Amino acid sequence: MFQIGSNNEIVSEHAYHSFPLFRTFRLQESFLQAYEKIFGHPFVTKVQESADVTQMQLEQSAEQGPPETRSPQGNST
């Protein structure tokens, strides 16, 4: 991780969250420590931020209703 750094074209910060290759590695304390040292914030903080954004998007989508009831402008008909 230290050799890859934080600005790699192939392995981005997002990759550490989403690539199946890192699934088991993300559970190790050494990963969590290296991630925080490289990116300047804890892994769990970034995961929580992503979850919060996703929840907000889901809530907004639910408020708008099913896609078939929305007009092209995104307003309910």
N, C-alpha and C. Protein backbone atom coordinates (compact mmCIF):
# COMPACT_ATOMS: atom_id res chain seq x y z
N MET A 1 0.83 -1.19 0.00
CA MET A 1 0.00 0.00 0.00
C MET A 1 0.87 1.25 0.00
N PHE A 2 1.93 1.23 0.77
CA PHE A 2 2.78 2.41 0.84
C PHE A 2 3.46 2.68 -0.51
N GLN A 3 3.82 1.62 -1.22
CA GLN A 3 4.44 1.80 -2.54
C GLN A 3 3.43 2.32 -3.56
N ILE A 4 2.20 1.92 -3.45
CA ILE A 4 1.16 2.39 -4.36
C ILE A 4 0.84 3.85 -4.07
N GLY A 5 0.75 4.20 -2.79
CA GLY A 5 0.46 5.57 -2.41
C GLY A 5 -1.00 5.94 -2.59
N SER A 6 -1.28 7.25 -2.56
CA SER A 6 -2.66 7.71 -2.62
C SER A 6 -3.07 8.23 -3.99
N ASN A 7 -2.14 8.42 -4.90
CA ASN A 7 -2.47 9.01 -6.20
C ASN A 7 -2.14 8.08 -7.36
N ASN A 8 -2.35 6.79 -7.20
CA ASN A 8 -2.04 5.83 -8.24
C ASN A 8 -3.18 5.78 -9.26
N GLU A 9 -2.85 5.68 -10.54
CA GLU A 9 -3.87 5.65 -11.59
C GLU A 9 -4.73 4.39 -11.54
N ILE A 10 -4.14 3.28 -11.19
CA ILE A 10 -4.86 2.00 -11.23
C ILE A 10 -5.54 1.68 -9.90
N VAL A 11 -4.83 1.89 -8.81
CA VAL A 11 -5.38 1.57 -7.49
C VAL A 11 -5.64 2.89 -6.75
N SER A 12 -6.88 3.33 -6.82
CA SER A 12 -7.29 4.58 -6.17
C SER A 12 -7.80 4.28 -4.76
N GLU A 13 -8.11 5.33 -4.03
CA GLU A 13 -8.70 5.15 -2.70
C GLU A 13 -10.00 4.35 -2.81
N HIS A 14 -10.79 4.65 -3.82
CA HIS A 14 -12.05 3.93 -4.03
C HIS A 14 -11.81 2.43 -4.23
N ALA A 15 -10.72 2.09 -4.89
CA ALA A 15 -10.40 0.68 -5.16
C ALA A 15 -10.24 -0.10 -3.86
N TYR A 16 -9.65 0.51 -2.86
CA TYR A 16 -9.48 -0.18 -1.57
C TYR A 16 -10.83 -0.49 -0.94
N HIS A 17 -11.86 0.26 -1.29
CA HIS A 17 -13.20 0.04 -0.76
C HIS A 17 -14.00 -0.97 -1.57
N SER A 18 -13.74 -1.03 -2.88
CA SER A 18 -14.63 -1.79 -3.74
C SER A 18 -14.03 -3.04 -4.40
N PHE A 19 -12.73 -3.09 -4.62
CA PHE A 19 -12.13 -4.24 -5.32
C PHE A 19 -12.24 -5.50 -4.46
N PRO A 20 -12.78 -6.58 -5.01
CA PRO A 20 -12.86 -7.85 -4.27
C PRO A 20 -11.49 -8.34 -3.80
N LEU A 21 -10.45 -7.98 -4.53
CA LEU A 21 -9.09 -8.37 -4.17
C LEU A 21 -8.74 -7.97 -2.74
N PHE A 22 -9.28 -6.84 -2.28
CA PHE A 22 -8.94 -6.32 -0.96
C PHE A 22 -9.93 -6.74 0.13
N ARG A 23 -10.93 -7.54 -0.22
CA ARG A 23 -11.99 -7.89 0.73
C ARG A 23 -11.45 -8.44 2.05
N THR A 24 -10.59 -9.44 2.00
CA THR A 24 -10.03 -10.03 3.22
C THR A 24 -9.00 -9.11 3.85
N PHE A 25 -8.22 -8.45 3.03
CA PHE A 25 -7.18 -7.55 3.52
C PHE A 25 -7.78 -6.40 4.34
N ARG A 26 -8.97 -5.93 3.95
CA ARG A 26 -9.61 -4.82 4.67
C ARG A 26 -9.93 -5.16 6.12
N LEU A 27 -9.97 -6.44 6.44
CA LEU A 27 -10.30 -6.86 7.81
C LEU A 27 -9.09 -6.85 8.73
N GLN A 28 -7.91 -6.68 8.18
CA GLN A 28 -6.68 -6.75 8.98
C GLN A 28 -6.31 -5.38 9.54
N GLU A 29 -5.82 -5.40 10.76
CA GLU A 29 -5.39 -4.17 11.42
C GLU A 29 -4.29 -3.46 10.63
N SER A 30 -3.40 -4.22 10.01
CA SER A 30 -2.31 -3.61 9.23
C SER A 30 -2.88 -2.79 8.06
N PHE A 31 -3.96 -3.27 7.45
CA PHE A 31 -4.60 -2.51 6.38
C PHE A 31 -5.16 -1.21 6.92
N LEU A 32 -5.88 -1.28 8.03
CA LEU A 32 -6.51 -0.09 8.60
C LEU A 32 -5.48 0.96 8.98
N GLN A 33 -4.37 0.53 9.55
CA GLN A 33 -3.31 1.47 9.92
C GLN A 33 -2.66 2.09 8.69
N ALA A 34 -2.35 1.28 7.70
CA ALA A 34 -1.72 1.79 6.48
C ALA A 34 -2.66 2.74 5.74
N TYR A 35 -3.92 2.39 5.66
CA TYR A 35 -4.91 3.24 4.98
C TYR A 35 -4.95 4.62 5.61
N GLU A 36 -5.03 4.66 6.93
CA GLU A 36 -5.10 5.96 7.62
C GLU A 36 -3.83 6.77 7.41
N LYS A 37 -2.70 6.10 7.43
CA LYS A 37 -1.43 6.81 7.23
C LYS A 37 -1.33 7.37 5.81
N ILE A 38 -1.78 6.61 4.83
CA ILE A 38 -1.70 7.03 3.42
C ILE A 38 -2.72 8.12 3.09
N PHE A 39 -3.96 7.94 3.50
CA PHE A 39 -5.04 8.84 3.09
C PHE A 39 -5.38 9.92 4.11
N GLY A 40 -4.87 9.81 5.32
CA GLY A 40 -5.07 10.86 6.31
C GLY A 40 -6.39 10.79 7.06
N HIS A 41 -7.13 9.72 6.89
CA HIS A 41 -8.37 9.52 7.64
C HIS A 41 -8.63 8.02 7.75
N PRO A 42 -9.34 7.61 8.80
CA PRO A 42 -9.61 6.19 8.99
C PRO A 42 -10.50 5.62 7.88
N PHE A 43 -10.28 4.37 7.56
CA PHE A 43 -11.08 3.66 6.56
C PHE A 43 -12.55 3.70 6.92
N VAL A 44 -12.87 3.46 8.19
CA VAL A 44 -14.28 3.41 8.60
C VAL A 44 -14.96 4.76 8.43
N THR A 45 -14.23 5.86 8.55
CA THR A 45 -14.81 7.18 8.35
C THR A 45 -15.27 7.33 6.91
N LYS A 46 -14.45 6.91 5.97
CA LYS A 46 -14.81 7.00 4.55
C LYS A 46 -15.97 6.07 4.23
N VAL A 47 -15.98 4.90 4.82
CA VAL A 47 -17.08 3.95 4.61
C VAL A 47 -18.38 4.56 5.13
N GLN A 48 -18.34 5.19 6.30
CA GLN A 48 -19.55 5.80 6.87
C GLN A 48 -20.04 6.94 5.99
N GLU A 49 -19.11 7.77 5.48
CA GLU A 49 -19.50 8.86 4.59
C GLU A 49 -20.20 8.32 3.35
N SER A 50 -19.66 7.27 2.78
CA SER A 50 -20.26 6.65 1.59
C SER A 50 -21.65 6.10 1.90
N ALA A 51 -21.78 5.48 3.05
CA ALA A 51 -23.07 4.93 3.47
C ALA A 51 -24.09 6.05 3.67
N ASP A 52 -23.66 7.16 4.26
CA ASP A 52 -24.56 8.29 4.48
C ASP A 52 -25.06 8.87 3.15
N VAL A 53 -24.17 9.00 2.18
CA VAL A 53 -24.55 9.52 0.86
C VAL A 53 -25.54 8.57 0.20
N THR A 54 -25.26 7.28 0.26
CA THR A 54 -26.15 6.29 -0.34
C THR A 54 -27.52 6.32 0.31
N GLN A 55 -27.56 6.43 1.63
CA GLN A 55 -28.83 6.49 2.35
C GLN A 55 -29.62 7.72 1.94
N MET A 56 -28.96 8.86 1.84
CA MET A 56 -29.63 10.09 1.44
C MET A 56 -30.21 9.95 0.02
N GLN A 57 -29.44 9.35 -0.88
CA GLN A 57 -29.92 9.15 -2.25
C GLN A 57 -31.13 8.22 -2.27
N LEU A 58 -31.10 7.17 -1.47
CA LEU A 58 -32.23 6.24 -1.41
C LEU A 58 -33.48 6.92 -0.86
N GLU A 59 -33.30 7.74 0.17
CA GLU A 59 -34.43 8.44 0.76
C GLU A 59 -35.03 9.43 -0.23
N GLN A 60 -34.18 10.14 -0.97
CA GLN A 60 -34.68 11.08 -1.98
C GLN A 60 -35.43 10.33 -3.07
N SER A 61 -34.90 9.20 -3.47
CA SER A 61 -35.55 8.39 -4.51
C SER A 61 -36.91 7.89 -4.02
N ALA A 62 -36.97 7.47 -2.77
CA ALA A 62 -38.22 6.97 -2.20
C ALA A 62 -39.27 8.08 -2.13
N GLU A 63 -38.83 9.30 -1.81
CA GLU A 63 -39.75 10.43 -1.74
C GLU A 63 -40.33 10.76 -3.11
N GLN A 64 -39.56 10.52 -4.17
CA GLN A 64 -40.01 10.83 -5.52
C GLN A 64 -40.96 9.76 -6.06
N GLY A 65 -40.98 8.61 -5.46
CA GLY A 65 -41.84 7.53 -5.91
C GLY A 65 -41.18 6.68 -6.97
N PRO A 66 -41.87 5.64 -7.40
CA PRO A 66 -41.32 4.75 -8.43
C PRO A 66 -41.04 5.51 -9.72
N PRO A 67 -40.05 5.09 -10.49
CA PRO A 67 -39.68 5.80 -11.73
C PRO A 67 -40.84 5.97 -12.71
N GLU A 68 -41.76 5.01 -12.78
CA GLU A 68 -42.85 5.11 -13.75
C GLU A 68 -43.85 6.21 -13.39
N THR A 69 -43.82 6.72 -12.14
CA THR A 69 -44.75 7.77 -11.74
C THR A 69 -44.12 9.15 -11.81
N ARG A 70 -42.84 9.22 -12.19
CA ARG A 70 -42.15 10.51 -12.27
C ARG A 70 -42.18 11.05 -13.69
N SER A 71 -42.31 12.36 -13.79
CA SER A 71 -42.20 13.01 -15.10
C SER A 71 -40.73 13.15 -15.45
N PRO A 72 -40.40 13.49 -16.70
CA PRO A 72 -38.99 13.62 -17.09
C PRO A 72 -38.21 14.64 -16.27
N GLN A 73 -38.89 15.63 -15.70
CA GLN A 73 -38.20 16.62 -14.87
C GLN A 73 -37.92 16.11 -13.47
N GLY A 74 -38.40 14.93 -13.13
CA GLY A 74 -38.17 14.36 -11.81
C GLY A 74 -39.27 14.67 -10.82
N ASN A 75 -40.33 15.37 -11.26
CA ASN A 75 -41.45 15.68 -10.39
C ASN A 75 -42.52 14.62 -10.55
N SER A 76 -43.22 14.30 -9.47
CA SER A 76 -44.29 13.31 -9.54
C SER A 76 -45.43 13.87 -10.36
N THR A 77 -46.12 13.00 -11.08
CA THR A 77 -47.25 13.43 -11.91
C THR A 77 -48.55 13.19 -11.20
